[in-house]
């Protein structure tokens, strides 16, 4: 199982969008400085952080009265696949592994990014947490995921840049958990938590028996 933003894709797109583009448009709409708009937005974000609303485009359209989907569409050139992610996904397919994308992203964002990158075909299923009405870090998400994508927790590997997601997955029995060292290519590496960090997917690409 792979997270999308910050794991398979560079988190720079999302950080730029929510910390620069949204405050810019909000400031222009309300006639306030970028700094004031950013402070306001960070307060708004903190109110719903860790809930499904935090990830919900519909929520932010209603809350901010901004055309969030169009704004995302305007910066698709910033959507980028993280180094060697495709190589790892192709290697897993070659080994007949079942590969899932499990993301908190709203379906509109999921569709936009899969369409832009063309990597949707590298996953057997692409699932947005909105289809379960729970964020991945919420209690019961991973148990409820069994309804859409039955899996064996003891034999499942999950890659995610969000430590709270990994901790919840651990509480619900997923055995093999990996964090990401540098989710945003434009920012320094994040502080290590209790899970092993992936520096580069190239380092963990499996080698099939009998191959050099």
N, C-alpha and C. Protein backbone atom coordinates (compact mmCIF):
# COMPACT_ATOMS: atom_id res chain seq x y z
N UNK A 1 0.84 -1.19 0.00
CA UNK A 1 0.00 0.00 0.00
C UNK A 1 0.88 1.25 0.00
N UNK A 2 0.52 2.20 -0.84
CA UNK A 2 1.25 3.46 -0.95
C UNK A 2 0.31 4.64 -0.73
N UNK A 3 0.77 5.59 0.07
CA UNK A 3 0.14 6.89 0.12
C UNK A 3 0.46 7.60 -1.20
N UNK A 4 -0.24 8.71 -1.47
CA UNK A 4 0.02 9.43 -2.71
C UNK A 4 0.92 10.65 -2.46
N UNK A 5 0.39 11.69 -1.84
CA UNK A 5 1.11 12.96 -1.70
C UNK A 5 2.19 12.87 -0.63
N UNK A 6 3.43 13.08 -1.05
CA UNK A 6 4.55 12.98 -0.13
C UNK A 6 5.18 11.60 -0.10
N UNK A 7 4.56 10.66 -0.79
CA UNK A 7 5.09 9.29 -0.83
C UNK A 7 5.39 8.89 -2.28
N UNK A 8 4.36 8.74 -3.08
CA UNK A 8 4.55 8.47 -4.51
C UNK A 8 4.80 9.77 -5.27
N UNK A 9 4.10 10.83 -4.84
CA UNK A 9 4.25 12.13 -5.49
C UNK A 9 4.94 13.12 -4.55
N UNK A 10 5.63 14.08 -5.14
CA UNK A 10 6.31 15.12 -4.39
C UNK A 10 5.28 15.99 -3.66
N UNK A 11 5.49 16.19 -2.38
CA UNK A 11 4.56 17.00 -1.58
C UNK A 11 4.67 18.49 -1.90
N UNK A 12 5.64 18.88 -2.69
CA UNK A 12 5.81 20.30 -3.00
C UNK A 12 4.56 20.88 -3.63
N UNK A 13 3.89 20.15 -4.49
CA UNK A 13 2.65 20.64 -5.12
C UNK A 13 1.66 21.07 -4.05
N UNK A 14 1.42 20.22 -3.07
CA UNK A 14 0.40 20.49 -2.05
C UNK A 14 0.83 21.61 -1.10
N UNK A 15 2.11 21.60 -0.71
CA UNK A 15 2.58 22.67 0.17
C UNK A 15 2.51 24.02 -0.53
N UNK A 16 2.91 24.05 -1.79
CA UNK A 16 2.81 25.29 -2.55
C UNK A 16 1.35 25.73 -2.66
N UNK A 17 0.48 24.80 -2.95
CA UNK A 17 -0.93 25.13 -3.14
C UNK A 17 -1.56 25.71 -1.88
N UNK A 18 -1.41 25.01 -0.76
CA UNK A 18 -2.11 25.41 0.47
C UNK A 18 -1.41 26.53 1.24
N UNK A 19 -0.10 26.67 1.07
CA UNK A 19 0.63 27.69 1.84
C UNK A 19 1.00 28.93 1.02
N UNK A 20 0.82 28.85 -0.28
CA UNK A 20 1.12 30.02 -1.12
C UNK A 20 -0.07 30.43 -1.99
N UNK A 21 -0.54 29.50 -2.82
CA UNK A 21 -1.57 29.87 -3.80
C UNK A 21 -2.91 30.20 -3.14
N UNK A 22 -3.35 29.36 -2.21
CA UNK A 22 -4.64 29.62 -1.54
C UNK A 22 -4.60 30.94 -0.75
N UNK A 23 -3.57 31.17 0.10
CA UNK A 23 -3.51 32.47 0.79
C UNK A 23 -3.43 33.65 -0.19
N UNK A 24 -2.73 33.48 -1.31
CA UNK A 24 -2.64 34.55 -2.31
C UNK A 24 -4.02 34.91 -2.84
N UNK A 25 -4.79 33.92 -3.24
CA UNK A 25 -6.13 34.17 -3.78
C UNK A 25 -7.07 34.68 -2.69
N UNK A 26 -6.94 34.13 -1.50
CA UNK A 26 -7.79 34.57 -0.39
C UNK A 26 -7.49 36.03 -0.04
N UNK A 27 -6.20 36.39 -0.02
CA UNK A 27 -5.81 37.76 0.28
C UNK A 27 -6.32 38.74 -0.77
N UNK A 28 -6.22 38.35 -2.04
CA UNK A 28 -6.72 39.21 -3.11
C UNK A 28 -8.23 39.38 -3.03
N UNK A 29 -8.91 38.32 -2.67
CA UNK A 29 -10.38 38.36 -2.58
C UNK A 29 -10.85 39.27 -1.45
N UNK A 30 -10.09 39.27 -0.34
CA UNK A 30 -10.52 40.01 0.84
C UNK A 30 -9.70 41.27 1.10
N UNK A 31 -8.76 41.56 0.21
CA UNK A 31 -8.00 42.78 0.33
C UNK A 31 -7.07 42.82 1.54
N UNK A 32 -6.46 41.69 1.85
CA UNK A 32 -5.51 41.63 2.97
C UNK A 32 -4.16 41.17 2.44
N UNK A 33 -3.11 41.41 3.24
CA UNK A 33 -1.77 41.04 2.82
C UNK A 33 -1.62 39.53 2.77
N UNK A 34 -0.59 39.09 2.05
CA UNK A 34 -0.33 37.65 1.98
C UNK A 34 -0.05 37.09 3.37
N UNK A 35 0.70 37.83 4.19
CA UNK A 35 1.04 37.38 5.54
C UNK A 35 -0.21 37.22 6.39
N UNK A 36 -1.12 38.19 6.29
CA UNK A 36 -2.36 38.10 7.07
C UNK A 36 -3.23 36.96 6.56
N UNK A 37 -3.29 36.79 5.25
CA UNK A 37 -4.07 35.70 4.67
C UNK A 37 -3.49 34.35 5.09
N UNK A 38 -2.16 34.24 5.10
CA UNK A 38 -1.53 32.99 5.50
C UNK A 38 -1.81 32.67 6.96
N UNK A 39 -1.75 33.67 7.83
CA UNK A 39 -2.08 33.45 9.24
C UNK A 39 -3.51 32.96 9.39
N UNK A 40 -4.42 33.58 8.64
CA UNK A 40 -5.83 33.18 8.70
C UNK A 40 -6.01 31.75 8.22
N UNK A 41 -5.33 31.42 7.11
CA UNK A 41 -5.47 30.08 6.55
C UNK A 41 -4.90 29.03 7.50
N UNK A 42 -3.77 29.31 8.12
CA UNK A 42 -3.19 28.34 9.05
C UNK A 42 -4.11 28.08 10.22
N UNK A 43 -4.82 29.13 10.67
CA UNK A 43 -5.81 28.95 11.74
C UNK A 43 -6.95 28.07 11.26
N UNK A 44 -7.42 28.33 10.05
CA UNK A 44 -8.50 27.51 9.48
C UNK A 44 -8.05 26.06 9.34
N UNK A 45 -6.83 25.87 8.86
CA UNK A 45 -6.33 24.51 8.69
C UNK A 45 -6.27 23.78 10.03
N UNK A 46 -5.80 24.47 11.07
CA UNK A 46 -5.63 23.83 12.38
C UNK A 46 -6.95 23.38 12.97
N UNK A 47 -8.03 24.05 12.59
CA UNK A 47 -9.35 23.71 13.14
C UNK A 47 -9.83 22.33 12.69
N UNK A 48 -9.38 21.89 11.52
CA UNK A 48 -9.87 20.61 10.99
C UNK A 48 -8.74 19.62 10.71
N UNK A 49 -7.52 19.96 11.14
CA UNK A 49 -6.38 19.09 10.86
C UNK A 49 -6.61 17.69 11.41
N UNK A 50 -6.32 16.68 10.59
CA UNK A 50 -6.48 15.30 11.03
C UNK A 50 -7.88 14.74 10.82
N UNK A 51 -8.79 15.57 10.31
CA UNK A 51 -10.14 15.10 10.00
C UNK A 51 -10.31 15.01 8.49
N UNK A 52 -11.41 14.40 8.07
CA UNK A 52 -11.64 14.28 6.63
C UNK A 52 -11.83 15.65 5.97
N UNK A 53 -12.40 16.62 6.71
CA UNK A 53 -12.59 17.96 6.15
C UNK A 53 -11.26 18.59 5.73
N UNK A 54 -10.21 18.30 6.47
CA UNK A 54 -8.88 18.85 6.15
C UNK A 54 -8.49 18.52 4.71
N UNK A 55 -8.93 17.36 4.23
CA UNK A 55 -8.56 16.88 2.90
C UNK A 55 -9.66 17.10 1.86
N UNK A 56 -10.78 17.72 2.26
CA UNK A 56 -11.97 17.73 1.42
C UNK A 56 -12.07 19.01 0.59
N UNK A 57 -12.02 18.89 -0.71
CA UNK A 57 -12.15 20.04 -1.60
C UNK A 57 -13.50 20.72 -1.42
N UNK A 58 -14.56 19.94 -1.30
CA UNK A 58 -15.90 20.52 -1.13
C UNK A 58 -15.96 21.40 0.12
N UNK A 59 -15.33 20.93 1.19
CA UNK A 59 -15.31 21.71 2.44
C UNK A 59 -14.64 23.06 2.22
N UNK A 60 -13.49 23.05 1.55
CA UNK A 60 -12.73 24.29 1.38
C UNK A 60 -13.38 25.23 0.37
N UNK A 61 -14.06 24.69 -0.62
CA UNK A 61 -14.82 25.53 -1.55
C UNK A 61 -15.91 26.27 -0.78
N UNK A 62 -16.64 25.56 0.09
CA UNK A 62 -17.71 26.19 0.88
C UNK A 62 -17.13 27.17 1.89
N UNK A 63 -16.02 26.80 2.52
CA UNK A 63 -15.44 27.60 3.59
C UNK A 63 -14.79 28.89 3.06
N UNK A 64 -14.09 28.81 1.94
CA UNK A 64 -13.30 29.93 1.44
C UNK A 64 -13.94 30.66 0.27
N UNK A 65 -14.95 30.03 -0.33
CA UNK A 65 -15.59 30.59 -1.53
C UNK A 65 -14.56 30.84 -2.64
N UNK A 66 -13.65 29.88 -2.79
CA UNK A 66 -12.65 29.91 -3.85
C UNK A 66 -12.84 28.68 -4.73
N UNK A 67 -12.46 28.80 -6.00
CA UNK A 67 -12.57 27.67 -6.94
C UNK A 67 -11.33 26.79 -6.79
N UNK A 68 -11.35 25.96 -5.77
CA UNK A 68 -10.19 25.12 -5.46
C UNK A 68 -9.82 24.19 -6.62
N UNK A 69 -10.78 23.48 -7.24
CA UNK A 69 -10.40 22.60 -8.36
C UNK A 69 -9.70 23.35 -9.49
N UNK A 70 -10.23 24.54 -9.86
CA UNK A 70 -9.60 25.30 -10.94
C UNK A 70 -8.21 25.76 -10.56
N UNK A 71 -8.04 26.15 -9.28
CA UNK A 71 -6.73 26.59 -8.81
C UNK A 71 -5.72 25.45 -8.88
N UNK A 72 -6.14 24.25 -8.51
CA UNK A 72 -5.25 23.09 -8.61
C UNK A 72 -4.88 22.84 -10.07
N UNK A 73 -5.88 22.94 -10.94
CA UNK A 73 -5.64 22.70 -12.36
C UNK A 73 -4.61 23.68 -12.92
N UNK A 74 -4.56 24.89 -12.36
CA UNK A 74 -3.68 25.93 -12.88
C UNK A 74 -2.20 25.67 -12.60
N UNK A 75 -1.91 24.75 -11.68
CA UNK A 75 -0.49 24.50 -11.34
C UNK A 75 -0.13 23.01 -11.51
N UNK A 76 -0.77 22.34 -12.44
CA UNK A 76 -0.48 20.92 -12.64
C UNK A 76 0.98 20.69 -13.03
N UNK A 77 1.65 21.72 -13.55
CA UNK A 77 3.06 21.57 -13.91
C UNK A 77 3.93 21.28 -12.69
N UNK A 78 3.40 21.54 -11.48
CA UNK A 78 4.15 21.28 -10.26
C UNK A 78 3.94 19.85 -9.73
N UNK A 79 3.03 19.09 -10.33
CA UNK A 79 2.83 17.70 -9.91
C UNK A 79 4.00 16.86 -10.41
N UNK A 80 4.66 16.16 -9.50
CA UNK A 80 5.85 15.38 -9.89
C UNK A 80 5.89 14.06 -9.14
N UNK A 81 6.32 13.03 -9.83
CA UNK A 81 6.50 11.72 -9.22
C UNK A 81 7.83 11.72 -8.47
N UNK A 82 7.84 11.15 -7.26
CA UNK A 82 9.07 11.11 -6.49
C UNK A 82 10.07 10.15 -7.15
N UNK A 83 11.38 10.41 -6.94
CA UNK A 83 12.41 9.60 -7.61
C UNK A 83 12.24 8.10 -7.39
N UNK A 84 12.27 7.38 -8.48
CA UNK A 84 12.27 5.91 -8.50
C UNK A 84 10.98 5.27 -8.00
N UNK A 85 9.93 6.07 -7.79
CA UNK A 85 8.66 5.48 -7.39
C UNK A 85 8.12 4.56 -8.49
N UNK A 86 8.18 5.01 -9.73
CA UNK A 86 7.69 4.18 -10.83
C UNK A 86 8.50 2.89 -10.95
N UNK A 87 9.81 2.98 -10.75
CA UNK A 87 10.65 1.79 -10.84
C UNK A 87 10.23 0.76 -9.79
N UNK A 88 9.96 1.22 -8.58
CA UNK A 88 9.54 0.30 -7.53
C UNK A 88 8.18 -0.31 -7.86
N UNK A 89 7.26 0.50 -8.30
CA UNK A 89 5.92 -0.01 -8.63
C UNK A 89 5.99 -1.03 -9.76
N UNK A 90 6.80 -0.76 -10.78
CA UNK A 90 6.95 -1.73 -11.88
C UNK A 90 7.60 -3.02 -11.41
N UNK A 91 8.56 -2.90 -10.49
CA UNK A 91 9.22 -4.10 -9.96
C UNK A 91 8.23 -4.95 -9.17
N UNK A 92 7.37 -4.31 -8.41
CA UNK A 92 6.37 -5.05 -7.64
C UNK A 92 5.38 -5.75 -8.56
N UNK A 93 5.00 -5.08 -9.64
CA UNK A 93 4.12 -5.72 -10.62
C UNK A 93 4.79 -6.93 -11.24
N UNK A 94 6.07 -6.81 -11.54
CA UNK A 94 6.80 -7.92 -12.15
C UNK A 94 6.86 -9.12 -11.23
N UNK A 95 6.72 -8.87 -9.93
CA UNK A 95 6.73 -9.95 -8.94
C UNK A 95 5.32 -10.40 -8.56
N UNK A 96 4.33 -9.91 -9.32
CA UNK A 96 2.93 -10.27 -9.10
C UNK A 96 2.43 -9.86 -7.72
N UNK A 97 2.93 -8.75 -7.21
CA UNK A 97 2.44 -8.22 -5.94
C UNK A 97 1.19 -7.37 -6.19
N UNK A 98 0.29 -7.38 -5.25
CA UNK A 98 -0.90 -6.53 -5.32
C UNK A 98 -0.52 -5.15 -4.79
N UNK A 99 -0.75 -4.12 -5.60
CA UNK A 99 -0.28 -2.78 -5.28
C UNK A 99 -1.47 -1.83 -5.20
N UNK A 100 -1.64 -1.19 -4.06
CA UNK A 100 -2.78 -0.30 -3.83
C UNK A 100 -2.30 1.12 -3.54
N UNK A 101 -3.05 2.10 -4.02
CA UNK A 101 -2.86 3.50 -3.63
C UNK A 101 -3.98 3.87 -2.66
N UNK A 102 -3.59 4.23 -1.45
CA UNK A 102 -4.57 4.58 -0.41
C UNK A 102 -4.28 6.01 0.03
N UNK A 103 -5.15 6.93 -0.34
CA UNK A 103 -4.87 8.34 -0.13
C UNK A 103 -6.00 9.06 0.60
N UNK A 104 -5.63 10.09 1.34
CA UNK A 104 -6.63 10.98 1.94
C UNK A 104 -7.11 12.02 0.94
N UNK A 105 -6.48 12.11 -0.21
CA UNK A 105 -6.84 13.14 -1.18
C UNK A 105 -8.29 12.98 -1.63
N UNK A 106 -8.94 14.11 -1.85
CA UNK A 106 -10.30 14.13 -2.39
C UNK A 106 -10.28 13.48 -3.79
N UNK A 107 -11.37 12.82 -4.18
CA UNK A 107 -11.39 12.18 -5.51
C UNK A 107 -11.05 13.12 -6.66
N UNK A 108 -11.40 14.41 -6.55
CA UNK A 108 -11.03 15.35 -7.61
C UNK A 108 -9.52 15.48 -7.71
N UNK A 109 -8.85 15.58 -6.56
CA UNK A 109 -7.38 15.66 -6.56
C UNK A 109 -6.76 14.37 -7.04
N UNK A 110 -7.31 13.25 -6.60
CA UNK A 110 -6.80 11.94 -7.01
C UNK A 110 -6.88 11.80 -8.53
N UNK A 111 -8.03 12.13 -9.11
CA UNK A 111 -8.19 12.02 -10.56
C UNK A 111 -7.26 12.96 -11.30
N UNK A 112 -7.11 14.19 -10.79
CA UNK A 112 -6.23 15.16 -11.43
C UNK A 112 -4.79 14.65 -11.49
N UNK A 113 -4.33 14.11 -10.38
CA UNK A 113 -2.93 13.70 -10.29
C UNK A 113 -2.66 12.40 -11.07
N UNK A 114 -3.63 11.49 -11.05
CA UNK A 114 -3.46 10.27 -11.83
C UNK A 114 -3.49 10.59 -13.33
N UNK A 115 -4.36 11.51 -13.72
CA UNK A 115 -4.45 11.90 -15.12
C UNK A 115 -3.17 12.59 -15.58
N UNK A 116 -2.62 13.44 -14.72
CA UNK A 116 -1.42 14.19 -15.09
C UNK A 116 -0.18 13.31 -15.14
N UNK A 117 -0.05 12.39 -14.20
CA UNK A 117 1.17 11.58 -14.13
C UNK A 117 1.08 10.29 -14.93
N UNK A 118 -0.14 9.79 -15.13
CA UNK A 118 -0.31 8.54 -15.86
C UNK A 118 0.09 7.29 -15.08
N UNK A 119 0.22 7.41 -13.74
CA UNK A 119 0.66 6.25 -12.96
C UNK A 119 -0.49 5.43 -12.38
N UNK A 120 -1.72 5.83 -12.67
CA UNK A 120 -2.86 5.09 -12.13
C UNK A 120 -2.85 3.62 -12.50
N UNK A 121 -2.35 3.31 -13.70
CA UNK A 121 -2.33 1.92 -14.16
C UNK A 121 -1.34 1.05 -13.39
N UNK A 122 -0.48 1.69 -12.59
CA UNK A 122 0.49 0.92 -11.80
C UNK A 122 -0.09 0.43 -10.47
N UNK A 123 -1.36 0.75 -10.23
CA UNK A 123 -2.03 0.30 -9.00
C UNK A 123 -3.24 -0.56 -9.37
N UNK A 124 -3.43 -1.62 -8.60
CA UNK A 124 -4.61 -2.45 -8.82
C UNK A 124 -5.88 -1.74 -8.37
N UNK A 125 -5.76 -0.89 -7.35
CA UNK A 125 -6.86 -0.05 -6.89
C UNK A 125 -6.30 1.28 -6.41
N UNK A 126 -7.05 2.35 -6.69
CA UNK A 126 -6.74 3.68 -6.14
C UNK A 126 -7.94 4.10 -5.30
N UNK A 127 -7.73 4.22 -4.00
CA UNK A 127 -8.84 4.44 -3.08
C UNK A 127 -8.66 5.75 -2.32
N UNK A 128 -9.66 6.61 -2.39
CA UNK A 128 -9.68 7.83 -1.58
C UNK A 128 -10.39 7.53 -0.26
N UNK A 129 -9.83 8.07 0.82
CA UNK A 129 -10.45 7.86 2.14
C UNK A 129 -11.86 8.43 2.20
N UNK A 130 -12.19 9.35 1.27
CA UNK A 130 -13.53 9.92 1.26
C UNK A 130 -14.60 8.85 0.99
N UNK A 131 -14.20 7.78 0.32
CA UNK A 131 -15.16 6.70 0.05
C UNK A 131 -15.52 5.94 1.31
N UNK A 132 -14.71 6.09 2.38
CA UNK A 132 -14.99 5.45 3.66
C UNK A 132 -15.44 6.45 4.72
N UNK A 133 -15.48 7.72 4.35
CA UNK A 133 -15.92 8.78 5.27
C UNK A 133 -15.05 8.88 6.52
N UNK A 134 -13.80 8.48 6.39
CA UNK A 134 -12.83 8.57 7.48
C UNK A 134 -11.47 8.94 6.88
N UNK A 135 -10.70 9.75 7.60
CA UNK A 135 -9.31 9.97 7.21
C UNK A 135 -8.48 8.77 7.65
N UNK A 136 -7.36 8.57 7.00
CA UNK A 136 -6.54 7.39 7.29
C UNK A 136 -6.04 7.36 8.73
N UNK A 137 -5.90 8.54 9.36
CA UNK A 137 -5.44 8.59 10.74
C UNK A 137 -6.56 8.46 11.75
N UNK A 138 -7.79 8.30 11.27
CA UNK A 138 -8.94 8.15 12.16
C UNK A 138 -9.15 6.70 12.56
N UNK A 139 -9.63 6.50 13.79
CA UNK A 139 -9.87 5.15 14.31
C UNK A 139 -10.85 4.39 13.41
N UNK A 140 -10.47 3.20 13.04
CA UNK A 140 -11.35 2.33 12.26
C UNK A 140 -11.14 2.38 10.76
N UNK A 141 -10.31 3.32 10.28
CA UNK A 141 -10.15 3.42 8.83
C UNK A 141 -9.62 2.13 8.24
N UNK A 142 -8.55 1.60 8.82
CA UNK A 142 -7.89 0.44 8.21
C UNK A 142 -8.72 -0.82 8.32
N UNK A 143 -9.50 -0.92 9.37
CA UNK A 143 -10.43 -2.05 9.47
C UNK A 143 -11.53 -1.91 8.43
N UNK A 144 -12.06 -0.70 8.27
CA UNK A 144 -13.12 -0.48 7.29
C UNK A 144 -12.63 -0.62 5.86
N UNK A 145 -11.35 -0.38 5.64
CA UNK A 145 -10.78 -0.52 4.30
C UNK A 145 -10.97 -1.95 3.76
N UNK A 146 -11.08 -2.90 4.66
CA UNK A 146 -11.27 -4.30 4.24
C UNK A 146 -12.49 -4.47 3.35
N UNK A 147 -13.48 -3.59 3.51
CA UNK A 147 -14.69 -3.69 2.69
C UNK A 147 -14.41 -3.39 1.22
N UNK A 148 -13.49 -2.48 0.98
CA UNK A 148 -13.17 -2.08 -0.39
C UNK A 148 -12.00 -2.84 -0.97
N UNK A 149 -11.06 -3.22 -0.11
CA UNK A 149 -9.84 -3.88 -0.56
C UNK A 149 -9.39 -4.86 0.51
N UNK A 150 -9.95 -6.05 0.55
CA UNK A 150 -9.55 -7.03 1.57
C UNK A 150 -8.05 -7.28 1.54
N UNK A 151 -7.44 -7.31 2.72
CA UNK A 151 -5.99 -7.51 2.81
C UNK A 151 -5.65 -8.24 4.11
N UNK A 152 -4.45 -8.79 4.16
CA UNK A 152 -3.96 -9.46 5.36
C UNK A 152 -2.97 -8.53 6.06
N UNK A 153 -3.34 -7.96 7.21
CA UNK A 153 -2.46 -6.99 7.89
C UNK A 153 -1.05 -7.50 8.14
N UNK A 154 -0.92 -8.79 8.46
CA UNK A 154 0.40 -9.35 8.77
C UNK A 154 1.31 -9.41 7.54
N UNK A 155 0.71 -9.40 6.36
CA UNK A 155 1.50 -9.52 5.13
C UNK A 155 1.47 -8.24 4.30
N UNK A 156 1.05 -7.14 4.93
CA UNK A 156 0.89 -5.87 4.22
C UNK A 156 2.01 -4.91 4.56
N UNK A 157 2.52 -4.22 3.53
CA UNK A 157 3.51 -3.16 3.70
C UNK A 157 2.82 -1.83 3.36
N UNK A 158 2.99 -0.84 4.23
CA UNK A 158 2.42 0.48 4.00
C UNK A 158 3.52 1.53 4.01
N UNK A 159 3.55 2.35 2.94
CA UNK A 159 4.46 3.49 2.86
C UNK A 159 3.63 4.77 2.98
N UNK A 160 3.99 5.64 3.93
CA UNK A 160 3.22 6.87 4.13
C UNK A 160 4.12 7.92 4.76
N UNK A 161 3.96 9.18 4.37
CA UNK A 161 4.79 10.24 4.96
C UNK A 161 4.18 10.81 6.24
N UNK A 162 2.95 10.42 6.59
CA UNK A 162 2.25 10.95 7.75
C UNK A 162 2.40 9.98 8.93
N UNK A 163 3.11 10.41 9.97
CA UNK A 163 3.35 9.52 11.12
C UNK A 163 2.05 9.14 11.82
N UNK A 164 1.08 10.05 11.85
CA UNK A 164 -0.19 9.73 12.51
C UNK A 164 -0.93 8.64 11.77
N UNK A 165 -0.81 8.64 10.45
CA UNK A 165 -1.41 7.57 9.65
C UNK A 165 -0.73 6.24 9.95
N UNK A 166 0.60 6.25 9.99
CA UNK A 166 1.34 5.02 10.28
C UNK A 166 1.01 4.50 11.67
N UNK A 167 0.88 5.40 12.63
CA UNK A 167 0.56 4.97 14.00
C UNK A 167 -0.83 4.34 14.08
N UNK A 168 -1.78 4.91 13.34
CA UNK A 168 -3.12 4.33 13.35
C UNK A 168 -3.13 2.98 12.64
N UNK A 169 -2.39 2.88 11.55
CA UNK A 169 -2.29 1.60 10.85
C UNK A 169 -1.66 0.54 11.75
N UNK A 170 -0.67 0.95 12.53
CA UNK A 170 -0.04 0.02 13.47
C UNK A 170 -1.03 -0.44 14.54
N UNK A 171 -1.82 0.49 15.06
CA UNK A 171 -2.83 0.12 16.06
C UNK A 171 -3.85 -0.86 15.50
N UNK A 172 -4.08 -0.78 14.18
CA UNK A 172 -5.07 -1.67 13.57
C UNK A 172 -4.43 -2.89 12.92
N UNK A 173 -3.16 -3.14 13.24
CA UNK A 173 -2.56 -4.43 12.92
C UNK A 173 -1.69 -4.53 11.70
N UNK A 174 -1.52 -3.44 10.94
CA UNK A 174 -0.63 -3.53 9.77
C UNK A 174 0.81 -3.65 10.26
N UNK A 175 1.50 -4.66 9.75
CA UNK A 175 2.78 -5.04 10.34
C UNK A 175 3.98 -4.26 9.82
N UNK A 176 4.05 -4.04 8.52
CA UNK A 176 5.27 -3.49 7.91
C UNK A 176 5.02 -2.03 7.51
N UNK A 177 5.63 -1.11 8.25
CA UNK A 177 5.32 0.31 8.11
C UNK A 177 6.58 1.13 7.84
N UNK A 178 6.53 1.98 6.83
CA UNK A 178 7.69 2.78 6.44
C UNK A 178 7.28 4.24 6.24
N UNK A 179 8.09 5.14 6.78
CA UNK A 179 7.91 6.57 6.59
C UNK A 179 8.77 7.05 5.43
N UNK A 180 8.63 8.33 5.08
CA UNK A 180 9.38 8.93 3.98
C UNK A 180 10.27 10.02 4.54
N UNK A 181 11.55 10.00 4.18
CA UNK A 181 12.49 10.95 4.77
C UNK A 181 12.30 12.39 4.28
N UNK A 182 12.01 12.55 2.98
CA UNK A 182 11.89 13.91 2.42
C UNK A 182 10.65 13.98 1.52
N UNK A 183 9.47 14.16 2.10
CA UNK A 183 8.24 14.18 1.31
C UNK A 183 8.18 15.32 0.30
N UNK A 184 8.72 16.50 0.68
CA UNK A 184 8.74 17.68 -0.18
C UNK A 184 10.18 17.90 -0.65
N UNK A 185 10.41 17.80 -1.94
CA UNK A 185 11.76 17.91 -2.48
C UNK A 185 12.37 19.29 -2.28
N UNK A 186 11.53 20.29 -1.98
CA UNK A 186 12.02 21.66 -1.80
C UNK A 186 12.27 22.00 -0.34
N UNK A 187 12.04 21.06 0.56
CA UNK A 187 12.24 21.28 1.98
C UNK A 187 13.24 20.26 2.53
N UNK A 188 13.85 20.54 3.68
CA UNK A 188 14.77 19.57 4.29
C UNK A 188 14.06 18.27 4.67
N UNK A 189 14.85 17.26 4.93
CA UNK A 189 14.30 15.98 5.41
C UNK A 189 13.55 16.20 6.72
N UNK A 190 12.50 15.42 6.93
CA UNK A 190 11.73 15.54 8.16
C UNK A 190 12.38 14.72 9.27
N UNK A 191 12.06 15.08 10.49
CA UNK A 191 12.64 14.38 11.63
C UNK A 191 12.15 12.94 11.67
N UNK A 192 13.05 12.04 11.96
CA UNK A 192 12.68 10.62 12.00
C UNK A 192 11.78 10.34 13.19
N UNK A 193 10.78 9.52 12.97
CA UNK A 193 9.92 9.07 14.06
C UNK A 193 10.30 7.66 14.44
N UNK A 194 9.31 6.89 14.86
CA UNK A 194 9.58 5.53 15.32
C UNK A 194 9.60 4.50 14.19
N UNK A 195 9.33 4.95 12.96
CA UNK A 195 9.29 4.02 11.83
C UNK A 195 10.52 4.22 10.94
N UNK A 196 11.01 3.15 10.32
CA UNK A 196 12.14 3.32 9.39
C UNK A 196 11.74 4.24 8.24
N UNK A 197 12.67 5.09 7.83
CA UNK A 197 12.41 6.04 6.76
C UNK A 197 12.99 5.55 5.44
N UNK A 198 12.24 5.76 4.37
CA UNK A 198 12.75 5.49 3.02
C UNK A 198 13.41 6.76 2.51
N UNK A 199 14.68 6.67 2.18
CA UNK A 199 15.42 7.81 1.63
C UNK A 199 15.16 7.91 0.13
N UNK A 200 15.23 6.77 -0.55
CA UNK A 200 15.05 6.71 -2.00
C UNK A 200 14.47 5.33 -2.31
N UNK A 201 13.40 5.29 -3.09
CA UNK A 201 12.78 4.01 -3.41
C UNK A 201 13.74 3.07 -4.13
N UNK A 202 14.76 3.63 -4.76
CA UNK A 202 15.76 2.80 -5.43
C UNK A 202 16.46 1.87 -4.44
N UNK A 203 16.54 2.30 -3.18
CA UNK A 203 17.24 1.51 -2.16
C UNK A 203 16.46 0.25 -1.75
N UNK A 204 15.16 0.21 -2.05
CA UNK A 204 14.35 -0.91 -1.55
C UNK A 204 13.68 -1.70 -2.68
N UNK A 205 14.08 -1.43 -3.92
CA UNK A 205 13.50 -2.19 -5.02
C UNK A 205 13.88 -3.65 -4.88
N UNK A 206 12.91 -4.55 -4.79
CA UNK A 206 13.24 -5.97 -4.58
C UNK A 206 13.89 -6.58 -5.82
N UNK A 207 14.76 -7.53 -5.57
CA UNK A 207 15.41 -8.27 -6.65
C UNK A 207 14.83 -9.67 -6.67
N UNK A 208 14.35 -10.09 -7.81
CA UNK A 208 13.76 -11.42 -7.94
C UNK A 208 14.84 -12.47 -7.80
N UNK A 209 14.47 -13.59 -7.20
CA UNK A 209 15.43 -14.69 -7.02
C UNK A 209 15.97 -15.13 -8.37
N UNK A 210 17.28 -15.31 -8.42
CA UNK A 210 17.90 -15.73 -9.66
C UNK A 210 18.35 -14.60 -10.55
N UNK A 211 18.02 -13.34 -10.09
CA UNK A 211 18.43 -12.16 -10.89
C UNK A 211 19.56 -11.44 -10.18
N UNK A 212 20.42 -10.84 -10.95
CA UNK A 212 21.53 -10.09 -10.35
C UNK A 212 21.03 -8.74 -9.83
